[in-house]
């Protein structure tokens, strides 16, 4: 490799490094805000789930709902019923952007593993996919696996989108009430810290009220105002939407942290490559100078 080629390659790597450094700074600026949002929302989500569990553990007989639900997510009687699972609906949360390390690949790999596990049990899988990266990869997997991609959504806004959570919750609730799915699950990432996250599957419906968790029990009787039907009509759709929103928040923070780590590694690798190429350039330049001196000396000796 001559000097010009080495110099051009160094220049190209420096240009790429400017992009990776900028992406790292943008991700670092956003991830802290998302981390704070995740940590602030976790206690609320945990308390809401526990409240609904306690309510369902306390109530033995559900009253008749005198008001017809205005939308499927308010049809709490159907949403809370347990039935044999023939079709499972899985919400897969990925991103529209790449350059986030193995973030999207890990999500797709976990989803494929879950699809295979359900297929072995004779259960059909219907996917609701957020993010273009996950959608593209899962479409390729359809060639080998038999599953259906029901709905797709654009990737979420940094910091999560409660509006998107409500839309997805309504879509999945509609299919649940219509009998097209018998379970609701989410494949998302749980944010650990700036350096790590874990891919997890969260169950939404049906709710397992046979848990031995002490926090799910109450010892006193509950009184409901105006009545239990009104409360369940409000709580159940809010519970579903809130779980999805929490998953979006966790995924947003995980993606940004993964991108920040990946771009930091890219910047470091660029520094190493520039250092190595600079040494090669100096060696090539020194060799060229030595050759020129040798030629000059040889020409002078020939004329003497």
C-alpha atoms as a PDB file:
ATOM      1  CA  UNK A   1       0.000   0.000   0.000  1.00  0.00           C
ATOM      2  CA  UNK A   2       1.514   3.299  -1.106  1.00  0.00           C
ATOM      3  CA  UNK A   3       1.520   6.570   0.826  1.00  0.00           C
ATOM      4  CA  UNK A   4      -1.488   8.030  -1.013  1.00  0.00           C
ATOM      5  CA  UNK A   5      -3.675   5.007  -0.287  1.00  0.00           C
ATOM      6  CA  UNK A   6      -2.719   5.011   3.378  1.00  0.00           C
ATOM      7  CA  UNK A   7      -3.366   8.746   3.643  1.00  0.00           C
ATOM      8  CA  UNK A   8      -6.786   8.378   1.980  1.00  0.00           C
ATOM      9  CA  UNK A   9      -7.713   5.549   4.328  1.00  0.00           C
ATOM     10  CA  UNK A  10      -6.702   7.585   7.398  1.00  0.00           C
ATOM     11  CA  UNK A  11      -8.829  10.470   6.153  1.00  0.00           C
ATOM     12  CA  UNK A  12     -11.801   8.125   5.606  1.00  0.00           C
ATOM     13  CA  UNK A  13     -11.509   6.646   9.101  1.00  0.00           C
ATOM     14  CA  UNK A  14     -11.319  10.125  10.650  1.00  0.00           C
ATOM     15  CA  UNK A  15     -14.515  11.125   8.827  1.00  0.00           C
ATOM     16  CA  UNK A  16     -16.290   7.998  10.088  1.00  0.00           C
ATOM     17  CA  UNK A  17     -15.001   8.639  13.595  1.00  0.00           C
ATOM     18  CA  UNK A  18     -16.595  12.092  13.565  1.00  0.00           C
ATOM     19  CA  UNK A  19     -19.979  10.439  12.893  1.00  0.00           C
ATOM     20  CA  UNK A  20     -19.574   7.770  15.576  1.00  0.00           C
ATOM     21  CA  UNK A  21     -18.398  10.362  18.113  1.00  0.00           C
ATOM     22  CA  UNK A  22     -21.417  12.566  17.342  1.00  0.00           C
ATOM     23  CA  UNK A  23     -23.796   9.599  17.708  1.00  0.00           C
ATOM     24  CA  UNK A  24     -22.158   8.674  20.998  1.00  0.00           C
ATOM     25  CA  UNK A  25     -22.631  12.217  22.332  1.00  0.00           C
ATOM     26  CA  UNK A  26     -26.285  12.317  21.221  1.00  0.00           C
ATOM     27  CA  UNK A  27     -27.023   8.941  22.830  1.00  0.00           C
ATOM     28  CA  UNK A  28     -25.222   9.971  26.023  1.00  0.00           C
ATOM     29  CA  UNK A  29     -27.260  13.166  26.208  1.00  0.00           C
ATOM     30  CA  UNK A  30     -30.550  11.289  25.818  1.00  0.00           C
ATOM     31  CA  UNK A  31     -29.906   8.154  27.839  1.00  0.00           C
ATOM     32  CA  UNK A  32     -29.763   9.924  31.208  1.00  0.00           C
ATOM     33  CA  UNK A  33     -33.186  11.455  30.666  1.00  0.00           C
ATOM     34  CA  UNK A  34     -34.584   8.057  29.661  1.00  0.00           C
ATOM     35  CA  UNK A  35     -32.930   6.378  32.645  1.00  0.00           C
ATOM     36  CA  UNK A  36     -34.615   8.855  34.988  1.00  0.00           C
ATOM     37  CA  UNK A  37     -37.981   8.220  33.296  1.00  0.00           C
ATOM     38  CA  UNK A  38     -37.574   4.448  33.695  1.00  0.00           C
ATOM     39  CA  UNK A  39     -36.646   4.669  37.371  1.00  0.00           C
ATOM     40  CA  UNK A  40     -39.478   7.125  38.074  1.00  0.00           C
ATOM     41  CA  UNK A  41     -42.127   4.949  36.394  1.00  0.00           C
ATOM     42  CA  UNK A  42     -41.151   1.563  37.848  1.00  0.00           C
ATOM     43  CA  UNK A  43     -42.685   2.117  41.326  1.00  0.00           C
ATOM     44  CA  UNK A  44     -45.971   3.281  39.783  1.00  0.00           C
ATOM     45  CA  UNK A  45     -46.173   0.301  37.426  1.00  0.00           C
ATOM     46  CA  UNK A  46     -45.314  -2.122  40.243  1.00  0.00           C
ATOM     47  CA  UNK A  47     -47.948  -0.603  42.535  1.00  0.00           C
ATOM     48  CA  UNK A  48     -50.600  -0.691  39.835  1.00  0.00           C
ATOM     49  CA  UNK A  49     -50.002  -4.371  39.057  1.00  0.00           C
ATOM     50  CA  UNK A  50     -50.092  -5.240  42.754  1.00  0.00           C
ATOM     51  CA  UNK A  51     -53.315  -3.273  43.209  1.00  0.00           C
ATOM     52  CA  UNK A  52     -55.043  -5.160  40.391  1.00  0.00           C
ATOM     53  CA  UNK A  53     -53.761  -8.482  41.738  1.00  0.00           C
ATOM     54  CA  UNK A  54     -55.121  -7.676  45.198  1.00  0.00           C
ATOM     55  CA  UNK A  55     -58.437  -6.647  43.706  1.00  0.00           C
ATOM     56  CA  UNK A  56     -58.780  -9.866  41.717  1.00  0.00           C
ATOM     57  CA  UNK A  57     -57.728 -11.979  44.709  1.00  0.00           C
ATOM     58  CA  UNK A  58     -60.360 -10.329  46.905  1.00  0.00           C
ATOM     59  CA  UNK A  59     -63.300 -10.482  44.486  1.00  0.00           C
ATOM     60  CA  UNK A  60     -64.752 -13.955  44.038  1.00  0.00           C
ATOM     61  CA  UNK A  61     -67.794 -13.199  41.900  1.00  0.00           C
ATOM     62  CA  UNK A  62     -67.793 -10.524  39.241  1.00  0.00           C
ATOM     63  CA  UNK A  63     -71.032  -8.548  38.893  1.00  0.00           C
ATOM     64  CA  UNK A  64     -72.837  -8.086  35.618  1.00  0.00           C
ATOM     65  CA  UNK A  65     -71.633  -5.060  33.707  1.00  0.00           C
ATOM     66  CA  UNK A  66     -74.694  -2.916  33.109  1.00  0.00           C
ATOM     67  CA  UNK A  67     -72.872  -0.603  30.680  1.00  0.00           C
ATOM     68  CA  UNK A  68     -71.806  -1.871  27.264  1.00  0.00           C
ATOM     69  CA  UNK A  69     -68.039  -1.305  26.795  1.00  0.00           C
ATOM     70  CA  UNK A  70     -67.322   1.523  24.371  1.00  0.00           C
ATOM     71  CA  UNK A  71     -64.079  -0.136  23.209  1.00  0.00           C
ATOM     72  CA  UNK A  72     -62.559  -3.645  23.478  1.00  0.00           C
ATOM     73  CA  UNK A  73     -60.012  -2.679  26.145  1.00  0.00           C
ATOM     74  CA  UNK A  74     -62.916  -1.889  28.507  1.00  0.00           C
ATOM     75  CA  UNK A  75     -64.441  -5.351  28.070  1.00  0.00           C
ATOM     76  CA  UNK A  76     -62.836  -6.472  31.305  1.00  0.00           C
ATOM     77  CA  UNK A  77     -64.960  -9.594  31.686  1.00  0.00           C
ATOM     78  CA  UNK A  78     -63.570 -11.141  28.473  1.00  0.00           C
ATOM     79  CA  UNK A  79     -60.049  -9.820  29.058  1.00  0.00           C
ATOM     80  CA  UNK A  80     -59.848 -11.368  32.526  1.00  0.00           C
ATOM     81  CA  UNK A  81     -61.256 -14.782  31.606  1.00  0.00           C
ATOM     82  CA  UNK A  82     -58.882 -17.711  31.372  1.00  0.00           C
ATOM     83  CA  UNK A  83     -59.127 -20.006  28.372  1.00  0.00           C
ATOM     84  CA  UNK A  84     -57.049 -22.639  26.641  1.00  0.00           C
ATOM     85  CA  UNK A  85     -54.230 -21.120  24.605  1.00  0.00           C
ATOM     86  CA  UNK A  86     -54.407 -21.755  20.885  1.00  0.00           C
ATOM     87  CA  UNK A  87     -53.005 -18.434  19.689  1.00  0.00           C
ATOM     88  CA  UNK A  88     -50.552 -16.185  21.501  1.00  0.00           C
ATOM     89  CA  UNK A  89     -50.004 -12.533  20.662  1.00  0.00           C
ATOM     90  CA  UNK A  90     -46.469 -11.217  21.222  1.00  0.00           C
ATOM     91  CA  UNK A  91     -45.507  -7.555  21.067  1.00  0.00           C
ATOM     92  CA  UNK A  92     -41.878  -7.290  19.877  1.00  0.00           C
ATOM     93  CA  UNK A  93     -40.193  -3.967  20.646  1.00  0.00           C
ATOM     94  CA  UNK A  94     -37.212  -3.103  18.438  1.00  0.00           C
ATOM     95  CA  UNK A  95     -35.966   0.140  16.883  1.00  0.00           C
ATOM     96  CA  UNK A  96     -35.939   1.923  13.525  1.00  0.00           C
ATOM     97  CA  UNK A  97     -32.249   2.787  13.787  1.00  0.00           C
ATOM     98  CA  UNK A  98     -29.195   0.582  13.676  1.00  0.00           C
ATOM     99  CA  UNK A  99     -25.662   1.161  14.965  1.00  0.00           C
ATOM    100  CA  UNK A 100     -26.707   0.007  18.440  1.00  0.00           C
ATOM    101  CA  UNK A 101     -24.476  -3.015  18.747  1.00  0.00           C
ATOM    102  CA  UNK A 102     -26.329  -6.323  19.058  1.00  0.00           C
ATOM    103  CA  UNK A 103     -29.473  -4.691  20.477  1.00  0.00           C
ATOM    104  CA  UNK A 104     -31.921  -5.579  17.695  1.00  0.00           C
ATOM    105  CA  UNK A 105     -30.221  -8.903  16.940  1.00  0.00           C
ATOM    106  CA  UNK A 106     -30.658 -10.021  20.566  1.00  0.00           C
ATOM    107  CA  UNK A 107     -34.366  -9.150  20.504  1.00  0.00           C
ATOM    108  CA  UNK A 108     -34.968 -11.024  17.241  1.00  0.00           C
ATOM    109  CA  UNK A 109     -32.981 -14.041  18.454  1.00  0.00           C
ATOM    110  CA  UNK A 110     -35.019 -14.213  21.671  1.00  0.00           C
ATOM    111  CA  UNK A 111     -38.287 -13.831  19.741  1.00  0.00           C
ATOM    112  CA  UNK A 112     -37.396 -16.655  17.361  1.00  0.00           C
ATOM    113  CA  UNK A 113     -36.576 -18.888  20.321  1.00  0.00           C
ATOM    114  CA  UNK A 114     -39.983 -18.144  21.874  1.00  0.00           C
ATOM    115  CA  UNK A 115     -41.781 -18.790  18.575  1.00  0.00           C
ATOM    116  CA  UNK A 116     -40.115 -22.198  18.286  1.00  0.00           C
ATOM    117  CA  UNK A 117     -41.069 -23.027  21.887  1.00  0.00           C
ATOM    118  CA  UNK A 118     -44.734 -22.167  21.272  1.00  0.00           C
ATOM    119  CA  UNK A 119     -44.749 -24.086  17.984  1.00  0.00           C
ATOM    120  CA  UNK A 120     -43.521 -27.206  19.781  1.00  0.00           C
ATOM    121  CA  UNK A 121     -46.598 -26.925  22.026  1.00  0.00           C
ATOM    122  CA  UNK A 122     -48.912 -26.562  19.022  1.00  0.00           C
ATOM    123  CA  UNK A 123     -49.633 -22.875  19.720  1.00  0.00           C
ATOM    124  CA  UNK A 124     -49.873 -20.380  16.845  1.00  0.00           C
ATOM    125  CA  UNK A 125     -47.963 -17.116  17.173  1.00  0.00           C
ATOM    126  CA  UNK A 126     -49.172 -13.678  16.055  1.00  0.00           C
ATOM    127  CA  UNK A 127     -46.671 -10.832  16.257  1.00  0.00           C
ATOM    128  CA  UNK A 128     -47.166  -7.110  16.782  1.00  0.00           C
ATOM    129  CA  UNK A 129     -43.851  -5.500  15.845  1.00  0.00           C
ATOM    130  CA  UNK A 130     -42.542  -2.057  16.790  1.00  0.00           C
ATOM    131  CA  UNK A 131     -39.522  -0.841  14.827  1.00  0.00           C
ATOM    132  CA  UNK A 132     -38.273  -1.398  11.285  1.00  0.00           C
ATOM    133  CA  UNK A 133     -35.147  -3.316  12.329  1.00  0.00           C
ATOM    134  CA  UNK A 134     -37.112  -6.010  14.112  1.00  0.00           C
ATOM    135  CA  UNK A 135     -39.683  -6.159  11.329  1.00  0.00           C
ATOM    136  CA  UNK A 136     -37.078  -6.677   8.592  1.00  0.00           C
ATOM    137  CA  UNK A 137     -35.299  -9.435  10.511  1.00  0.00           C
ATOM    138  CA  UNK A 138     -38.513 -11.243  11.475  1.00  0.00           C
ATOM    139  CA  UNK A 139     -39.771 -11.169   7.879  1.00  0.00           C
ATOM    140  CA  UNK A 140     -36.632 -13.068   6.905  1.00  0.00           C
ATOM    141  CA  UNK A 141     -37.334 -15.615   9.647  1.00  0.00           C
ATOM    142  CA  UNK A 142     -40.812 -16.234   8.210  1.00  0.00           C
ATOM    143  CA  UNK A 143     -39.199 -18.297   5.466  1.00  0.00           C
ATOM    144  CA  UNK A 144     -38.289 -20.977   7.999  1.00  0.00           C
ATOM    145  CA  UNK A 145     -40.929 -20.489  10.711  1.00  0.00           C
ATOM    146  CA  UNK A 146     -44.705 -20.400  10.446  1.00  0.00           C
ATOM    147  CA  UNK A 147     -45.935 -17.271  12.237  1.00  0.00           C
ATOM    148  CA  UNK A 148     -47.984 -14.227  11.355  1.00  0.00           C
ATOM    149  CA  UNK A 149     -47.004 -10.559  11.629  1.00  0.00           C
ATOM    150  CA  UNK A 150     -50.358  -8.952  12.411  1.00  0.00           C
ATOM    151  CA  UNK A 151     -49.525  -5.276  12.875  1.00  0.00           C
ATOM    152  CA  UNK A 152     -46.461  -3.083  12.648  1.00  0.00           C
ATOM    153  CA  UNK A 153     -45.729   0.277  14.247  1.00  0.00           C
ATOM    154  CA  UNK A 154     -43.019   2.913  13.816  1.00  0.00           C
ATOM    155  CA  UNK A 155     -40.347   2.942  16.477  1.00  0.00           C
ATOM    156  CA  UNK A 156     -41.090   4.843  19.645  1.00  0.00           C
ATOM    157  CA  UNK A 157     -39.966   8.354  20.434  1.00  0.00           C
ATOM    158  CA  UNK A 158     -37.013   8.703  22.815  1.00  0.00           C
ATOM    159  CA  UNK A 159     -38.357   8.636  26.325  1.00  0.00           C
ATOM    160  CA  UNK A 160     -41.233   6.366  25.340  1.00  0.00           C
ATOM    161  CA  UNK A 161     -44.633   7.239  23.976  1.00  0.00           C
ATOM    162  CA  UNK A 162     -47.755   6.775  26.089  1.00  0.00           C
ATOM    163  CA  UNK A 163     -49.874   7.411  22.973  1.00  0.00           C
ATOM    164  CA  UNK A 164     -48.201   4.515  21.154  1.00  0.00           C
ATOM    165  CA  UNK A 165     -48.702   2.323  24.220  1.00  0.00           C
ATOM    166  CA  UNK A 166     -52.429   3.100  24.199  1.00  0.00           C
ATOM    167  CA  UNK A 167     -52.747   2.331  20.471  1.00  0.00           C
ATOM    168  CA  UNK A 168     -50.948  -1.008  20.781  1.00  0.00           C
ATOM    169  CA  UNK A 169     -52.967  -1.920  23.895  1.00  0.00           C
ATOM    170  CA  UNK A 170     -56.214  -1.248  22.031  1.00  0.00           C
ATOM    171  CA  UNK A 171     -55.128  -3.326  19.020  1.00  0.00           C
ATOM    172  CA  UNK A 172     -54.111  -6.318  21.149  1.00  0.00           C
ATOM    173  CA  UNK A 173     -57.240  -6.021  23.318  1.00  0.00           C
ATOM    174  CA  UNK A 174     -59.404  -6.037  20.194  1.00  0.00           C
ATOM    175  CA  UNK A 175     -57.830  -9.273  18.977  1.00  0.00           C
ATOM    176  CA  UNK A 176     -58.094 -10.782  22.472  1.00  0.00           C
ATOM    177  CA  UNK A 177     -61.803  -9.966  22.770  1.00  0.00           C
ATOM    178  CA  UNK A 178     -62.445 -11.256  19.240  1.00  0.00           C
ATOM    179  CA  UNK A 179     -60.765 -14.554  20.118  1.00  0.00           C
ATOM    180  CA  UNK A 180     -57.871 -14.135  17.694  1.00  0.00           C
ATOM    181  CA  UNK A 181     -55.340 -14.400  20.531  1.00  0.00           C
ATOM    182  CA  UNK A 182     -55.647 -16.088  23.921  1.00  0.00           C
ATOM    183  CA  UNK A 183     -52.541 -14.623  25.591  1.00  0.00           C
ATOM    184  CA  UNK A 184     -50.763 -11.240  25.524  1.00  0.00           C
ATOM    185  CA  UNK A 185     -46.997 -11.122  25.907  1.00  0.00           C
ATOM    186  CA  UNK A 186     -44.184  -8.636  25.306  1.00  0.00           C
ATOM    187  CA  UNK A 187     -40.590  -9.240  24.220  1.00  0.00           C
ATOM    188  CA  UNK A 188     -38.624  -6.212  25.373  1.00  0.00           C
ATOM    189  CA  UNK A 189     -35.380  -5.264  27.102  1.00  0.00           C
ATOM    190  CA  UNK A 190     -35.060  -4.385  30.764  1.00  0.00           C
ATOM    191  CA  UNK A 191     -32.642  -1.537  31.392  1.00  0.00           C
ATOM    192  CA  UNK A 192     -30.010  -2.443  34.001  1.00  0.00           C
ATOM    193  CA  UNK A 193     -27.438   0.312  33.759  1.00  0.00           C
ATOM    194  CA  UNK A 194     -25.458   2.248  31.169  1.00  0.00           C
ATOM    195  CA  UNK A 195     -23.469  -0.862  30.277  1.00  0.00           C
ATOM    196  CA  UNK A 196     -26.036  -3.643  30.322  1.00  0.00           C
ATOM    197  CA  UNK A 197     -29.617  -4.693  29.640  1.00  0.00           C
ATOM    198  CA  UNK A 198     -31.450  -8.007  29.403  1.00  0.00           C
ATOM    199  CA  UNK A 199     -33.992  -9.304  26.881  1.00  0.00           C
ATOM    200  CA  UNK A 200     -37.128 -10.486  28.673  1.00  0.00           C
ATOM    201  CA  UNK A 201     -40.625 -11.759  28.022  1.00  0.00           C
ATOM    202  CA  UNK A 202     -43.402 -10.118  30.024  1.00  0.00           C
ATOM    203  CA  UNK A 203     -46.846 -11.625  30.418  1.00  0.00           C
ATOM    204  CA  UNK A 204     -49.846  -9.272  30.331  1.00  0.00           C
ATOM    205  CA  UNK A 205     -52.930 -11.474  30.044  1.00  0.00           C
ATOM    206  CA  UNK A 206     -54.220 -13.744  31.402  1.00  0.00           C
ATOM    207  CA  UNK A 207     -53.285 -12.694  34.920  1.00  0.00           C
ATOM    208  CA  UNK A 208     -52.238 -15.462  37.301  1.00  0.00           C
ATOM    209  CA  UNK A 209     -54.086 -14.757  40.533  1.00  0.00           C
ATOM    210  CA  UNK A 210     -52.916 -18.031  42.089  1.00  0.00           C
ATOM    211  CA  UNK A 211     -49.578 -16.492  43.024  1.00  0.00           C
ATOM    212  CA  UNK A 212     -48.189 -17.064  46.499  1.00  0.00           C
ATOM    213  CA  UNK A 213     -46.748 -13.579  46.613  1.00  0.00           C
ATOM    214  CA  UNK A 214     -47.758 -12.051  49.940  1.00  0.00           C
ATOM    215  CA  UNK A 215     -48.108  -8.633  48.343  1.00  0.00           C
ATOM    216  CA  UNK A 216     -50.968  -9.974  46.227  1.00  0.00           C
ATOM    217  CA  UNK A 217     -53.148 -10.735  49.262  1.00  0.00           C
ATOM    218  CA  UNK A 218     -55.428  -8.581  51.346  1.00  0.00           C
ATOM    219  CA  UNK A 219     -57.042  -9.517  54.627  1.00  0.00           C
ATOM    220  CA  UNK A 220     -59.802  -6.929  54.805  1.00  0.00           C
ATOM    221  CA  UNK A 221     -62.871  -6.640  52.645  1.00  0.00           C
ATOM    222  CA  UNK A 222     -62.963  -4.044  49.909  1.00  0.00           C
ATOM    223  CA  UNK A 223     -65.791  -1.647  49.188  1.00  0.00           C
ATOM    224  CA  UNK A 224     -66.065  -0.247  45.676  1.00  0.00           C
ATOM    225  CA  UNK A 225     -67.583   3.102  44.726  1.00  0.00           C
ATOM    226  CA  UNK A 226     -69.609   3.474  42.611  1.00  0.00           C
ATOM    227  CA  UNK A 227     -69.266  -0.290  41.910  1.00  0.00           C
ATOM    228  CA  UNK A 228     -66.769  -2.971  40.911  1.00  0.00           C
ATOM    229  CA  UNK A 229     -67.772  -2.989  37.233  1.00  0.00           C
ATOM    230  CA  UNK A 230     -66.981   0.696  36.828  1.00  0.00           C
ATOM    231  CA  UNK A 231     -63.595   0.252  38.490  1.00  0.00           C
ATOM    232  CA  UNK A 232     -62.605  -2.736  36.355  1.00  0.00           C
ATOM    233  CA  UNK A 233     -63.768  -0.953  33.215  1.00  0.00           C
ATOM    234  CA  UNK A 234     -61.243   1.802  34.030  1.00  0.00           C
ATOM    235  CA  UNK A 235     -58.411  -0.184  35.606  1.00  0.00           C
ATOM    236  CA  UNK A 236     -58.015  -3.074  33.149  1.00  0.00           C
ATOM    237  CA  UNK A 237     -57.362  -0.973  29.991  1.00  0.00           C
ATOM    238  CA  UNK A 238     -55.079   1.311  31.988  1.00  0.00           C
ATOM    239  CA  UNK A 239     -53.196  -1.725  33.312  1.00  0.00           C
ATOM    240  CA  UNK A 240     -52.583  -3.097  29.793  1.00  0.00           C
ATOM    241  CA  UNK A 241     -51.523   0.285  28.368  1.00  0.00           C
ATOM    242  CA  UNK A 242     -49.253   0.999  31.341  1.00  0.00           C
ATOM    243  CA  UNK A 243     -47.408  -2.330  31.060  1.00  0.00           C
ATOM    244  CA  UNK A 244     -46.763  -1.641  27.359  1.00  0.00           C
ATOM    245  CA  UNK A 245     -45.668   1.930  28.119  1.00  0.00           C
ATOM    246  CA  UNK A 246     -43.241   0.668  30.770  1.00  0.00           C
ATOM    247  CA  UNK A 247     -41.821  -1.791  28.234  1.00  0.00           C
ATOM    248  CA  UNK A 248     -41.334   1.091  25.783  1.00  0.00           C
ATOM    249  CA  UNK A 249     -39.493   3.140  28.388  1.00  0.00           C
ATOM    250  CA  UNK A 250     -37.206   0.233  29.285  1.00  0.00           C
ATOM    251  CA  UNK A 251     -36.509  -0.479  25.604  1.00  0.00           C
ATOM    252  CA  UNK A 252     -35.747   3.173  24.836  1.00  0.00           C
ATOM    253  CA  UNK A 253     -33.174   3.441  27.613  1.00  0.00           C
ATOM    254  CA  UNK A 254     -31.635   0.064  26.680  1.00  0.00           C
ATOM    255  CA  UNK A 255     -31.312   1.017  23.013  1.00  0.00           C
ATOM    256  CA  UNK A 256     -29.656   4.360  23.768  1.00  0.00           C
ATOM    257  CA  UNK A 257     -27.268   2.766  26.274  1.00  0.00           C
ATOM    258  CA  UNK A 258     -26.388   0.058  23.731  1.00  0.00           C
ATOM    259  CA  UNK A 259     -25.807   2.667  21.017  1.00  0.00           C
ATOM    260  CA  UNK A 260     -23.640   4.774  23.309  1.00  0.00           C
ATOM    261  CA  UNK A 261     -21.508   1.730  24.185  1.00  0.00           C
ATOM    262  CA  UNK A 262     -21.249   0.641  20.544  1.00  0.00           C
ATOM    263  CA  UNK A 263     -20.258   4.100  19.334  1.00  0.00           C
ATOM    264  CA  UNK A 264     -17.709   4.437  22.128  1.00  0.00           C
ATOM    265  CA  UNK A 265     -16.127   1.149  21.039  1.00  0.00           C
ATOM    266  CA  UNK A 266     -16.192   2.323  17.403  1.00  0.00           C
ATOM    267  CA  UNK A 267     -14.365   5.543  18.347  1.00  0.00           C
ATOM    268  CA  UNK A 268     -11.717   3.575  20.225  1.00  0.00           C
ATOM    269  CA  UNK A 269     -11.270   1.158  17.320  1.00  0.00           C
ATOM    270  CA  UNK A 270     -10.924   4.105  14.942  1.00  0.00           C
ATOM    271  CA  UNK A 271      -8.171   5.547  17.138  1.00  0.00           C
ATOM    272  CA  UNK A 272      -6.338   2.205  17.039  1.00  0.00           C
ATOM    273  CA  UNK A 273      -6.652   1.965  13.256  1.00  0.00           C
ATOM    274  CA  UNK A 274      -5.456   5.541  12.751  1.00  0.00           C
ATOM    275  CA  UNK A 275      -2.475   4.886  15.020  1.00  0.00           C
ATOM    276  CA  UNK A 276      -1.556   1.722  13.107  1.00  0.00           C
ATOM    277  CA  UNK A 277      -2.017   3.324   9.694  1.00  0.00           C
ATOM    278  CA  UNK A 278       0.034   6.368  10.752  1.00  0.00           C
ATOM    279  CA  UNK A 279       2.925   4.063  11.636  1.00  0.00           C
ATOM    280  CA  UNK A 280       2.560   2.325   8.240  1.00  0.00           C
ATOM    281  CA  UNK A 281       2.476   5.716   6.527  1.00  0.00           C
ATOM    282  CA  UNK A 282       5.643   6.861   8.294  1.00  0.00           C
ATOM    283  CA  UNK A 283       7.400   3.603   7.380  1.00  0.00           C
ATOM    284  CA  UNK A 284       6.353   3.955   3.727  1.00  0.00           C
ATOM    285  CA  UNK A 285       7.489   7.590   3.699  1.00  0.00           C
ATOM    286  CA  UNK A 286      10.813   6.680   5.301  1.00  0.00           C
ATOM    287  CA  UNK A 287      11.314   3.870   2.785  1.00  0.00           C
ATOM    288  CA  UNK A 288      10.583   6.267  -0.100  1.00  0.00           C
ATOM    289  CA  UNK A 289      13.066   8.833   1.261  1.00  0.00           C
ATOM    290  CA  UNK A 290      15.723   6.163   1.735  1.00  0.00           C
ATOM    291  CA  UNK A 291      15.199   4.938  -1.815  1.00  0.00           C
ATOM    292  CA  UNK A 292      15.518   8.480  -3.192  1.00  0.00           C
ATOM    293  CA  UNK A 293      18.773   9.026  -1.257  1.00  0.00           C
ATOM    294  CA  UNK A 294      20.119   5.713  -2.521  1.00  0.00           C
ATOM    295  CA  UNK A 295      19.261   6.639  -6.104  1.00  0.00           C
ATOM    296  CA  UNK A 296      20.970  10.061  -5.740  1.00  0.00           C
ATOM    297  CA  UNK A 297      24.095   8.496  -4.240  1.00  0.00           C
ATOM    298  CA  UNK A 298      24.124   5.800  -6.929  1.00  0.00           C
ATOM    299  CA  UNK A 299      23.835   8.408  -9.702  1.00  0.00           C
ATOM    300  CA  UNK A 300      26.667  10.482  -8.203  1.00  0.00           C
ATOM    301  CA  UNK A 301      28.938   7.410  -7.973  1.00  0.00           C
ATOM    302  CA  UNK A 302      28.201   6.542 -11.593  1.00  0.00           C
ATOM    303  CA  UNK A 303      29.377   9.956 -12.828  1.00  0.00           C
ATOM    304  CA  UNK A 304      32.527  10.059 -10.716  1.00  0.00           C
END
